[in-house]
């Protein structure tokens, strides 16, 4: 028994190293000088550890040379867009998921198929029509325009995920609340949503990650005022060589909020994913 447990630990450590190795390499590259980053042969460990790349991210006017805003503004734009998109999708999607989980209506199966098909459609297919639509609304290079472009793809995913969580909740709780005089909306906000908190937390993290990592729509719908991290990282290309040091340091800082967020809510995420996988 102890031998099997030891084997499991070794396999877990090996798989963990494989998963973390790209991020470890990214951190090691961010701690090197530019000359060492392009040197051949490539060495795993840096000769001299330096934090100059991180200093350049915050203080050196390299961003103005690349014709983009500074890192603090770009990070703030990304946080605002990802948070607002997540909140809006959860607010609308929870209503749709509850209606789909509890009500019976004509065309329910067709709507379910359409939701799945919407999730499967690549965003590039509607990029040009969406650009024209946002331009006619005079929402190019605004928070609203980028958030509006995220909703068609994140909202169906929210409905699809939360429907499974809502279906697993016993209907007897709702019936008891209705007998006590609680309305449908009261049942949703006072019973369903609190009991589904782990599932909502897991769903919110998934949607937040999708919005945080999105590149195509912010690239097409933003110019100068609204820049996000994914677009800024693509603009490190210079006339000679990409600025790998600045690029890797910014990438590490861009992933740091996501890691902190997952570590803080990991208990709710695991509980939510487990709850959604078990049908009572």
C-alpha atoms as a PDB file:
ATOM      1  CA  UNK A   1       0.000   0.000   0.000  1.00  0.00           C
ATOM      2  CA  UNK A   2       2.796   2.407   0.887  1.00  0.00           C
ATOM      3  CA  UNK A   3       4.586   1.479  -2.321  1.00  0.00           C
ATOM      4  CA  UNK A   4       1.537   2.347  -4.415  1.00  0.00           C
ATOM      5  CA  UNK A   5       1.171   5.636  -2.593  1.00  0.00           C
ATOM      6  CA  UNK A   6       4.817   6.431  -3.279  1.00  0.00           C
ATOM      7  CA  UNK A   7       4.284   5.718  -6.981  1.00  0.00           C
ATOM      8  CA  UNK A   8       1.258   8.043  -7.026  1.00  0.00           C
ATOM      9  CA  UNK A   9       3.304  10.810  -5.437  1.00  0.00           C
ATOM     10  CA  UNK A  10       6.064  10.412  -8.020  1.00  0.00           C
ATOM     11  CA  UNK A  11       3.569  10.478 -10.892  1.00  0.00           C
ATOM     12  CA  UNK A  12       1.834  13.515  -9.409  1.00  0.00           C
ATOM     13  CA  UNK A  13       5.145  15.375  -9.080  1.00  0.00           C
ATOM     14  CA  UNK A  14       6.136  14.431 -12.627  1.00  0.00           C
ATOM     15  CA  UNK A  15       2.836  15.592 -14.098  1.00  0.00           C
ATOM     16  CA  UNK A  16       2.968  18.755 -12.016  1.00  0.00           C
ATOM     17  CA  UNK A  17       6.445  19.511 -13.336  1.00  0.00           C
ATOM     18  CA  UNK A  18       5.270  19.020 -16.938  1.00  0.00           C
ATOM     19  CA  UNK A  19       2.348  21.385 -16.378  1.00  0.00           C
ATOM     20  CA  UNK A  20       4.436  24.034 -14.595  1.00  0.00           C
ATOM     21  CA  UNK A  21       7.566  23.790 -16.758  1.00  0.00           C
ATOM     22  CA  UNK A  22       6.422  26.399 -19.359  1.00  0.00           C
ATOM     23  CA  UNK A  23       5.647  28.899 -16.603  1.00  0.00           C
ATOM     24  CA  UNK A  24       8.950  28.137 -14.827  1.00  0.00           C
ATOM     25  CA  UNK A  25      10.812  28.711 -18.102  1.00  0.00           C
ATOM     26  CA  UNK A  26       8.914  31.979 -18.594  1.00  0.00           C
ATOM     27  CA  UNK A  27      10.018  33.196 -15.154  1.00  0.00           C
ATOM     28  CA  UNK A  28      13.630  32.173 -15.797  1.00  0.00           C
ATOM     29  CA  UNK A  29      13.626  34.054 -19.110  1.00  0.00           C
ATOM     30  CA  UNK A  30      12.241  37.176 -17.444  1.00  0.00           C
ATOM     31  CA  UNK A  31      15.234  37.170 -15.068  1.00  0.00           C
ATOM     32  CA  UNK A  32      17.850  37.268 -17.867  1.00  0.00           C
ATOM     33  CA  UNK A  33      19.481  40.041 -19.825  1.00  0.00           C
ATOM     34  CA  UNK A  34      18.477  40.465 -23.465  1.00  0.00           C
ATOM     35  CA  UNK A  35      21.860  39.246 -24.692  1.00  0.00           C
ATOM     36  CA  UNK A  36      21.526  36.007 -22.766  1.00  0.00           C
ATOM     37  CA  UNK A  37      17.992  35.418 -24.073  1.00  0.00           C
ATOM     38  CA  UNK A  38      19.200  35.220 -27.667  1.00  0.00           C
ATOM     39  CA  UNK A  39      22.469  33.397 -26.928  1.00  0.00           C
ATOM     40  CA  UNK A  40      23.177  29.971 -28.429  1.00  0.00           C
ATOM     41  CA  UNK A  41      23.337  27.404 -26.932  1.00  0.00           C
ATOM     42  CA  UNK A  42      20.464  28.173 -24.602  1.00  0.00           C
ATOM     43  CA  UNK A  43      21.128  27.593 -20.913  1.00  0.00           C
ATOM     44  CA  UNK A  44      18.383  26.650 -18.512  1.00  0.00           C
ATOM     45  CA  UNK A  45      19.556  28.739 -15.567  1.00  0.00           C
ATOM     46  CA  UNK A  46      20.512  32.400 -16.056  1.00  0.00           C
ATOM     47  CA  UNK A  47      24.134  33.364 -15.488  1.00  0.00           C
ATOM     48  CA  UNK A  48      23.261  36.589 -13.714  1.00  0.00           C
ATOM     49  CA  UNK A  49      19.793  37.127 -12.260  1.00  0.00           C
ATOM     50  CA  UNK A  50      18.392  40.567 -13.001  1.00  0.00           C
ATOM     51  CA  UNK A  51      15.084  42.317 -12.317  1.00  0.00           C
ATOM     52  CA  UNK A  52      15.726  45.007 -14.917  1.00  0.00           C
ATOM     53  CA  UNK A  53      12.996  43.654 -17.187  1.00  0.00           C
ATOM     54  CA  UNK A  54      10.405  44.150 -14.457  1.00  0.00           C
ATOM     55  CA  UNK A  55      11.759  47.633 -13.811  1.00  0.00           C
ATOM     56  CA  UNK A  56      11.375  48.447 -17.499  1.00  0.00           C
ATOM     57  CA  UNK A  57       7.763  47.243 -17.452  1.00  0.00           C
ATOM     58  CA  UNK A  58       6.772  49.851 -14.849  1.00  0.00           C
ATOM     59  CA  UNK A  59       9.207  52.738 -15.194  1.00  0.00           C
ATOM     60  CA  UNK A  60      11.060  52.790 -18.518  1.00  0.00           C
ATOM     61  CA  UNK A  61       9.227  54.716 -21.278  1.00  0.00           C
ATOM     62  CA  UNK A  62       9.424  51.722 -23.589  1.00  0.00           C
ATOM     63  CA  UNK A  63       5.658  51.642 -23.889  1.00  0.00           C
ATOM     64  CA  UNK A  64       5.610  55.081 -25.515  1.00  0.00           C
ATOM     65  CA  UNK A  65       8.231  53.924 -27.998  1.00  0.00           C
ATOM     66  CA  UNK A  66       5.959  51.038 -28.932  1.00  0.00           C
ATOM     67  CA  UNK A  67       3.047  53.512 -29.310  1.00  0.00           C
ATOM     68  CA  UNK A  68       0.964  51.872 -26.574  1.00  0.00           C
ATOM     69  CA  UNK A  69      -0.069  52.869 -23.068  1.00  0.00           C
ATOM     70  CA  UNK A  70       1.883  52.026 -19.951  1.00  0.00           C
ATOM     71  CA  UNK A  71       1.513  48.723 -18.169  1.00  0.00           C
ATOM     72  CA  UNK A  72      -0.630  50.009 -15.291  1.00  0.00           C
ATOM     73  CA  UNK A  73      -3.290  51.362 -17.635  1.00  0.00           C
ATOM     74  CA  UNK A  74      -3.268  48.213 -19.723  1.00  0.00           C
ATOM     75  CA  UNK A  75      -3.584  46.003 -16.653  1.00  0.00           C
ATOM     76  CA  UNK A  76      -6.452  48.144 -15.349  1.00  0.00           C
ATOM     77  CA  UNK A  77      -8.231  47.949 -18.714  1.00  0.00           C
ATOM     78  CA  UNK A  78      -7.914  44.172 -18.734  1.00  0.00           C
ATOM     79  CA  UNK A  79      -9.221  43.822 -15.174  1.00  0.00           C
ATOM     80  CA  UNK A  80     -12.189  46.121 -15.822  1.00  0.00           C
ATOM     81  CA  UNK A  81     -13.196  44.385 -19.055  1.00  0.00           C
ATOM     82  CA  UNK A  82     -12.803  40.873 -17.647  1.00  0.00           C
ATOM     83  CA  UNK A  83     -14.675  41.679 -14.415  1.00  0.00           C
ATOM     84  CA  UNK A  84     -17.561  43.521 -16.078  1.00  0.00           C
ATOM     85  CA  UNK A  85     -17.938  40.821 -18.732  1.00  0.00           C
ATOM     86  CA  UNK A  86     -18.018  38.124 -16.061  1.00  0.00           C
ATOM     87  CA  UNK A  87     -20.579  39.964 -13.912  1.00  0.00           C
ATOM     88  CA  UNK A  88     -22.876  40.723 -16.856  1.00  0.00           C
ATOM     89  CA  UNK A  89     -22.740  37.163 -18.179  1.00  0.00           C
ATOM     90  CA  UNK A  90     -23.400  35.683 -14.736  1.00  0.00           C
ATOM     91  CA  UNK A  91     -26.299  38.058 -14.088  1.00  0.00           C
ATOM     92  CA  UNK A  92     -28.019  37.264 -17.383  1.00  0.00           C
ATOM     93  CA  UNK A  93     -26.884  33.662 -17.643  1.00  0.00           C
ATOM     94  CA  UNK A  94     -28.128  32.680 -14.183  1.00  0.00           C
ATOM     95  CA  UNK A  95     -31.653  33.796 -15.133  1.00  0.00           C
ATOM     96  CA  UNK A  96     -31.524  31.878 -18.397  1.00  0.00           C
ATOM     97  CA  UNK A  97     -30.047  28.769 -16.761  1.00  0.00           C
ATOM     98  CA  UNK A  98     -32.720  28.725 -14.062  1.00  0.00           C
ATOM     99  CA  UNK A  99     -35.500  29.086 -16.616  1.00  0.00           C
ATOM    100  CA  UNK A 100     -34.001  26.338 -18.734  1.00  0.00           C
ATOM    101  CA  UNK A 101     -33.516  24.003 -15.745  1.00  0.00           C
ATOM    102  CA  UNK A 102     -37.003  24.393 -14.247  1.00  0.00           C
ATOM    103  CA  UNK A 103     -39.459  25.456 -16.942  1.00  0.00           C
ATOM    104  CA  UNK A 104     -40.889  23.386 -19.777  1.00  0.00           C
ATOM    105  CA  UNK A 105     -41.552  25.183 -23.054  1.00  0.00           C
ATOM    106  CA  UNK A 106     -41.763  24.518 -26.771  1.00  0.00           C
ATOM    107  CA  UNK A 107     -38.418  24.320 -28.566  1.00  0.00           C
ATOM    108  CA  UNK A 108     -36.380  23.599 -25.460  1.00  0.00           C
ATOM    109  CA  UNK A 109     -34.307  20.930 -27.212  1.00  0.00           C
ATOM    110  CA  UNK A 110     -33.645  23.172 -30.212  1.00  0.00           C
ATOM    111  CA  UNK A 111     -32.515  26.001 -27.936  1.00  0.00           C
ATOM    112  CA  UNK A 112     -30.159  23.598 -26.156  1.00  0.00           C
ATOM    113  CA  UNK A 113     -28.667  22.602 -29.503  1.00  0.00           C
ATOM    114  CA  UNK A 114     -28.263  26.248 -30.504  1.00  0.00           C
ATOM    115  CA  UNK A 115     -26.480  27.017 -27.232  1.00  0.00           C
ATOM    116  CA  UNK A 116     -24.004  24.204 -27.843  1.00  0.00           C
ATOM    117  CA  UNK A 117     -23.471  25.275 -31.463  1.00  0.00           C
ATOM    118  CA  UNK A 118     -22.860  28.861 -30.356  1.00  0.00           C
ATOM    119  CA  UNK A 119     -20.143  27.675 -27.980  1.00  0.00           C
ATOM    120  CA  UNK A 120     -18.501  25.676 -30.787  1.00  0.00           C
ATOM    121  CA  UNK A 121     -18.434  28.505 -33.377  1.00  0.00           C
ATOM    122  CA  UNK A 122     -14.953  30.107 -33.694  1.00  0.00           C
ATOM    123  CA  UNK A 123     -14.970  33.800 -32.950  1.00  0.00           C
ATOM    124  CA  UNK A 124     -13.168  34.683 -36.172  1.00  0.00           C
ATOM    125  CA  UNK A 125     -16.272  33.648 -38.127  1.00  0.00           C
ATOM    126  CA  UNK A 126     -18.232  36.688 -36.925  1.00  0.00           C
ATOM    127  CA  UNK A 127     -15.337  39.064 -36.377  1.00  0.00           C
ATOM    128  CA  UNK A 128     -16.050  41.250 -39.417  1.00  0.00           C
ATOM    129  CA  UNK A 129     -19.860  41.473 -38.897  1.00  0.00           C
ATOM    130  CA  UNK A 130     -19.280  42.210 -35.220  1.00  0.00           C
ATOM    131  CA  UNK A 131     -16.801  44.952 -36.099  1.00  0.00           C
ATOM    132  CA  UNK A 132     -19.323  46.576 -38.432  1.00  0.00           C
ATOM    133  CA  UNK A 133     -22.041  46.304 -35.776  1.00  0.00           C
ATOM    134  CA  UNK A 134     -19.890  47.859 -33.045  1.00  0.00           C
ATOM    135  CA  UNK A 135     -18.731  50.623 -35.389  1.00  0.00           C
ATOM    136  CA  UNK A 136     -22.310  51.570 -36.236  1.00  0.00           C
ATOM    137  CA  UNK A 137     -23.008  51.831 -32.520  1.00  0.00           C
ATOM    138  CA  UNK A 138     -20.002  54.203 -32.190  1.00  0.00           C
ATOM    139  CA  UNK A 139     -18.493  51.863 -29.598  1.00  0.00           C
ATOM    140  CA  UNK A 140     -15.099  51.198 -31.159  1.00  0.00           C
ATOM    141  CA  UNK A 141     -12.190  51.559 -28.736  1.00  0.00           C
ATOM    142  CA  UNK A 142     -14.502  51.574 -25.704  1.00  0.00           C
ATOM    143  CA  UNK A 143     -15.106  49.264 -22.779  1.00  0.00           C
ATOM    144  CA  UNK A 144     -18.674  48.675 -23.926  1.00  0.00           C
ATOM    145  CA  UNK A 145     -17.650  47.599 -27.411  1.00  0.00           C
ATOM    146  CA  UNK A 146     -15.185  44.974 -26.197  1.00  0.00           C
ATOM    147  CA  UNK A 147     -17.537  43.704 -23.480  1.00  0.00           C
ATOM    148  CA  UNK A 148     -20.337  43.473 -26.040  1.00  0.00           C
ATOM    149  CA  UNK A 149     -18.115  41.305 -28.236  1.00  0.00           C
ATOM    150  CA  UNK A 150     -17.442  38.880 -25.353  1.00  0.00           C
ATOM    151  CA  UNK A 151     -21.072  38.282 -24.408  1.00  0.00           C
ATOM    152  CA  UNK A 152     -22.185  36.228 -27.469  1.00  0.00           C
ATOM    153  CA  UNK A 153     -19.603  33.542 -26.649  1.00  0.00           C
ATOM    154  CA  UNK A 154     -19.412  33.606 -22.865  1.00  0.00           C
ATOM    155  CA  UNK A 155     -23.147  33.880 -22.160  1.00  0.00           C
ATOM    156  CA  UNK A 156     -24.092  30.519 -23.777  1.00  0.00           C
ATOM    157  CA  UNK A 157     -21.277  28.867 -21.837  1.00  0.00           C
ATOM    158  CA  UNK A 158     -22.615  30.308 -18.561  1.00  0.00           C
ATOM    159  CA  UNK A 159     -26.120  29.044 -19.334  1.00  0.00           C
ATOM    160  CA  UNK A 160     -24.796  25.625 -20.313  1.00  0.00           C
ATOM    161  CA  UNK A 161     -22.721  25.184 -17.140  1.00  0.00           C
ATOM    162  CA  UNK A 162     -25.163  26.643 -14.610  1.00  0.00           C
ATOM    163  CA  UNK A 163     -28.075  24.641 -15.989  1.00  0.00           C
ATOM    164  CA  UNK A 164     -26.362  21.466 -14.809  1.00  0.00           C
ATOM    165  CA  UNK A 165     -25.876  22.884 -11.320  1.00  0.00           C
ATOM    166  CA  UNK A 166     -29.463  24.087 -11.030  1.00  0.00           C
ATOM    167  CA  UNK A 167     -30.856  20.751 -12.184  1.00  0.00           C
ATOM    168  CA  UNK A 168     -28.987  18.954  -9.391  1.00  0.00           C
ATOM    169  CA  UNK A 169     -30.749  20.984  -6.698  1.00  0.00           C
ATOM    170  CA  UNK A 170     -33.866  19.299  -5.265  1.00  0.00           C
ATOM    171  CA  UNK A 171     -37.107  20.910  -6.369  1.00  0.00           C
ATOM    172  CA  UNK A 172     -38.602  20.235  -2.926  1.00  0.00           C
ATOM    173  CA  UNK A 173     -36.735  23.238  -1.540  1.00  0.00           C
ATOM    174  CA  UNK A 174     -38.373  25.486  -4.108  1.00  0.00           C
ATOM    175  CA  UNK A 175     -41.813  24.004  -3.469  1.00  0.00           C
ATOM    176  CA  UNK A 176     -41.468  24.625   0.269  1.00  0.00           C
ATOM    177  CA  UNK A 177     -40.442  28.222  -0.358  1.00  0.00           C
ATOM    178  CA  UNK A 178     -43.339  28.764  -2.756  1.00  0.00           C
ATOM    179  CA  UNK A 179     -45.758  27.424  -0.147  1.00  0.00           C
ATOM    180  CA  UNK A 180     -44.383  29.990   2.309  1.00  0.00           C
ATOM    181  CA  UNK A 181     -45.209  32.735  -0.192  1.00  0.00           C
ATOM    182  CA  UNK A 182     -41.828  33.209  -1.875  1.00  0.00           C
ATOM    183  CA  UNK A 183     -41.930  34.324  -5.511  1.00  0.00           C
ATOM    184  CA  UNK A 184     -39.979  32.782  -8.370  1.00  0.00           C
ATOM    185  CA  UNK A 185     -37.351  35.509  -8.214  1.00  0.00           C
ATOM    186  CA  UNK A 186     -37.219  35.160  -4.446  1.00  0.00           C
ATOM    187  CA  UNK A 187     -36.601  31.419  -4.792  1.00  0.00           C
ATOM    188  CA  UNK A 188     -33.813  32.125  -7.265  1.00  0.00           C
ATOM    189  CA  UNK A 189     -32.025  34.771  -5.201  1.00  0.00           C
ATOM    190  CA  UNK A 190     -32.590  33.375  -1.706  1.00  0.00           C
ATOM    191  CA  UNK A 191     -32.345  29.605  -2.313  1.00  0.00           C
ATOM    192  CA  UNK A 192     -30.976  28.589  -5.715  1.00  0.00           C
ATOM    193  CA  UNK A 193     -28.085  31.027  -6.035  1.00  0.00           C
ATOM    194  CA  UNK A 194     -26.764  30.616  -2.452  1.00  0.00           C
ATOM    195  CA  UNK A 195     -26.858  26.821  -2.771  1.00  0.00           C
ATOM    196  CA  UNK A 196     -25.140  27.050  -6.163  1.00  0.00           C
ATOM    197  CA  UNK A 197     -22.329  29.302  -4.936  1.00  0.00           C
ATOM    198  CA  UNK A 198     -19.549  26.739  -5.651  1.00  0.00           C
ATOM    199  CA  UNK A 199     -20.844  26.250  -9.184  1.00  0.00           C
ATOM    200  CA  UNK A 200     -21.149  29.989  -9.727  1.00  0.00           C
ATOM    201  CA  UNK A 201     -17.587  30.480  -8.455  1.00  0.00           C
ATOM    202  CA  UNK A 202     -16.238  27.824 -10.831  1.00  0.00           C
ATOM    203  CA  UNK A 203     -18.202  29.298 -13.726  1.00  0.00           C
ATOM    204  CA  UNK A 204     -17.046  32.841 -12.965  1.00  0.00           C
ATOM    205  CA  UNK A 205     -13.396  31.754 -12.953  1.00  0.00           C
ATOM    206  CA  UNK A 206     -13.830  30.032 -16.328  1.00  0.00           C
ATOM    207  CA  UNK A 207     -15.506  33.091 -17.877  1.00  0.00           C
ATOM    208  CA  UNK A 208     -12.946  35.440 -16.326  1.00  0.00           C
ATOM    209  CA  UNK A 209     -10.098  33.399 -17.809  1.00  0.00           C
ATOM    210  CA  UNK A 210     -11.727  33.391 -21.254  1.00  0.00           C
ATOM    211  CA  UNK A 211     -12.153  37.169 -21.174  1.00  0.00           C
ATOM    212  CA  UNK A 212      -8.653  37.703 -19.769  1.00  0.00           C
ATOM    213  CA  UNK A 213      -7.002  35.607 -22.507  1.00  0.00           C
ATOM    214  CA  UNK A 214      -9.098  36.849 -25.445  1.00  0.00           C
ATOM    215  CA  UNK A 215      -7.069  38.415 -28.247  1.00  0.00           C
ATOM    216  CA  UNK A 216      -9.029  38.611 -31.498  1.00  0.00           C
ATOM    217  CA  UNK A 217     -11.885  40.884 -30.439  1.00  0.00           C
ATOM    218  CA  UNK A 218      -9.832  43.407 -28.404  1.00  0.00           C
ATOM    219  CA  UNK A 219      -7.323  43.570 -31.257  1.00  0.00           C
ATOM    220  CA  UNK A 220     -10.008  44.353 -33.821  1.00  0.00           C
ATOM    221  CA  UNK A 221     -12.192  46.639 -31.693  1.00  0.00           C
ATOM    222  CA  UNK A 222      -9.582  48.726 -29.863  1.00  0.00           C
ATOM    223  CA  UNK A 223      -7.118  51.332 -31.106  1.00  0.00           C
ATOM    224  CA  UNK A 224      -5.374  53.499 -28.514  1.00  0.00           C
ATOM    225  CA  UNK A 225      -7.636  54.287 -25.566  1.00  0.00           C
ATOM    226  CA  UNK A 226      -8.512  50.709 -24.626  1.00  0.00           C
ATOM    227  CA  UNK A 227      -5.660  48.222 -24.761  1.00  0.00           C
ATOM    228  CA  UNK A 228      -5.563  44.851 -23.006  1.00  0.00           C
ATOM    229  CA  UNK A 229      -2.605  42.679 -22.082  1.00  0.00           C
ATOM    230  CA  UNK A 230      -2.961  40.159 -24.890  1.00  0.00           C
ATOM    231  CA  UNK A 231      -2.903  42.933 -27.495  1.00  0.00           C
ATOM    232  CA  UNK A 232      -0.015  44.744 -25.800  1.00  0.00           C
ATOM    233  CA  UNK A 233       2.102  41.584 -25.765  1.00  0.00           C
ATOM    234  CA  UNK A 234       1.693  41.260 -29.519  1.00  0.00           C
ATOM    235  CA  UNK A 235       3.156  44.749 -30.051  1.00  0.00           C
ATOM    236  CA  UNK A 236       6.630  44.117 -28.664  1.00  0.00           C
ATOM    237  CA  UNK A 237       7.902  43.459 -32.166  1.00  0.00           C
ATOM    238  CA  UNK A 238      10.482  46.075 -33.120  1.00  0.00           C
ATOM    239  CA  UNK A 239      12.349  46.796 -36.346  1.00  0.00           C
ATOM    240  CA  UNK A 240      15.192  44.485 -35.332  1.00  0.00           C
ATOM    241  CA  UNK A 241      14.150  41.789 -32.841  1.00  0.00           C
ATOM    242  CA  UNK A 242      11.261  41.248 -30.432  1.00  0.00           C
ATOM    243  CA  UNK A 243      11.961  42.578 -26.963  1.00  0.00           C
ATOM    244  CA  UNK A 244      11.944  39.179 -25.268  1.00  0.00           C
ATOM    245  CA  UNK A 245      12.923  40.497 -21.857  1.00  0.00           C
ATOM    246  CA  UNK A 246      10.046  42.962 -21.696  1.00  0.00           C
ATOM    247  CA  UNK A 247       7.710  40.406 -23.215  1.00  0.00           C
ATOM    248  CA  UNK A 248       8.461  37.657 -20.694  1.00  0.00           C
ATOM    249  CA  UNK A 249       8.341  40.008 -17.693  1.00  0.00           C
ATOM    250  CA  UNK A 250       4.963  41.354 -18.800  1.00  0.00           C
ATOM    251  CA  UNK A 251       3.676  37.826 -19.391  1.00  0.00           C
ATOM    252  CA  UNK A 252       4.647  36.815 -15.854  1.00  0.00           C
ATOM    253  CA  UNK A 253       2.892  39.857 -14.413  1.00  0.00           C
ATOM    254  CA  UNK A 254      -0.151  39.196 -16.613  1.00  0.00           C
ATOM    255  CA  UNK A 255      -0.563  35.664 -15.276  1.00  0.00           C
ATOM    256  CA  UNK A 256       0.034  36.630 -11.644  1.00  0.00           C
ATOM    257  CA  UNK A 257      -3.545  37.908 -10.943  1.00  0.00           C
ATOM    258  CA  UNK A 258      -4.997  34.704 -12.409  1.00  0.00           C
ATOM    259  CA  UNK A 259      -2.822  32.525 -10.188  1.00  0.00           C
ATOM    260  CA  UNK A 260      -3.757  34.529  -7.087  1.00  0.00           C
ATOM    261  CA  UNK A 261      -7.442  34.361  -8.004  1.00  0.00           C
ATOM    262  CA  UNK A 262      -7.383  30.589  -8.461  1.00  0.00           C
ATOM    263  CA  UNK A 263      -5.433  30.043  -5.235  1.00  0.00           C
ATOM    264  CA  UNK A 264      -7.918  32.133  -3.246  1.00  0.00           C
ATOM    265  CA  UNK A 265     -11.008  30.430  -4.654  1.00  0.00           C
ATOM    266  CA  UNK A 266      -9.582  26.968  -5.298  1.00  0.00           C
ATOM    267  CA  UNK A 267     -11.789  25.374  -2.629  1.00  0.00           C
ATOM    268  CA  UNK A 268     -14.954  26.758  -4.207  1.00  0.00           C
ATOM    269  CA  UNK A 269     -13.739  25.839  -7.689  1.00  0.00           C
ATOM    270  CA  UNK A 270     -13.039  22.209  -6.755  1.00  0.00           C
ATOM    271  CA  UNK A 271     -16.308  21.957  -4.856  1.00  0.00           C
ATOM    272  CA  UNK A 272     -18.201  23.469  -7.762  1.00  0.00           C
ATOM    273  CA  UNK A 273     -16.678  21.191 -10.371  1.00  0.00           C
ATOM    274  CA  UNK A 274     -17.347  18.157  -8.173  1.00  0.00           C
ATOM    275  CA  UNK A 275     -20.915  19.235  -7.548  1.00  0.00           C
ATOM    276  CA  UNK A 276     -21.537  19.602 -11.245  1.00  0.00           C
ATOM    277  CA  UNK A 277     -20.175  16.144 -11.952  1.00  0.00           C
ATOM    278  CA  UNK A 278     -22.407  14.317  -9.448  1.00  0.00           C
ATOM    279  CA  UNK A 279     -26.125  13.906  -9.997  1.00  0.00           C
ATOM    280  CA  UNK A 280     -28.199  13.270  -6.944  1.00  0.00           C
END
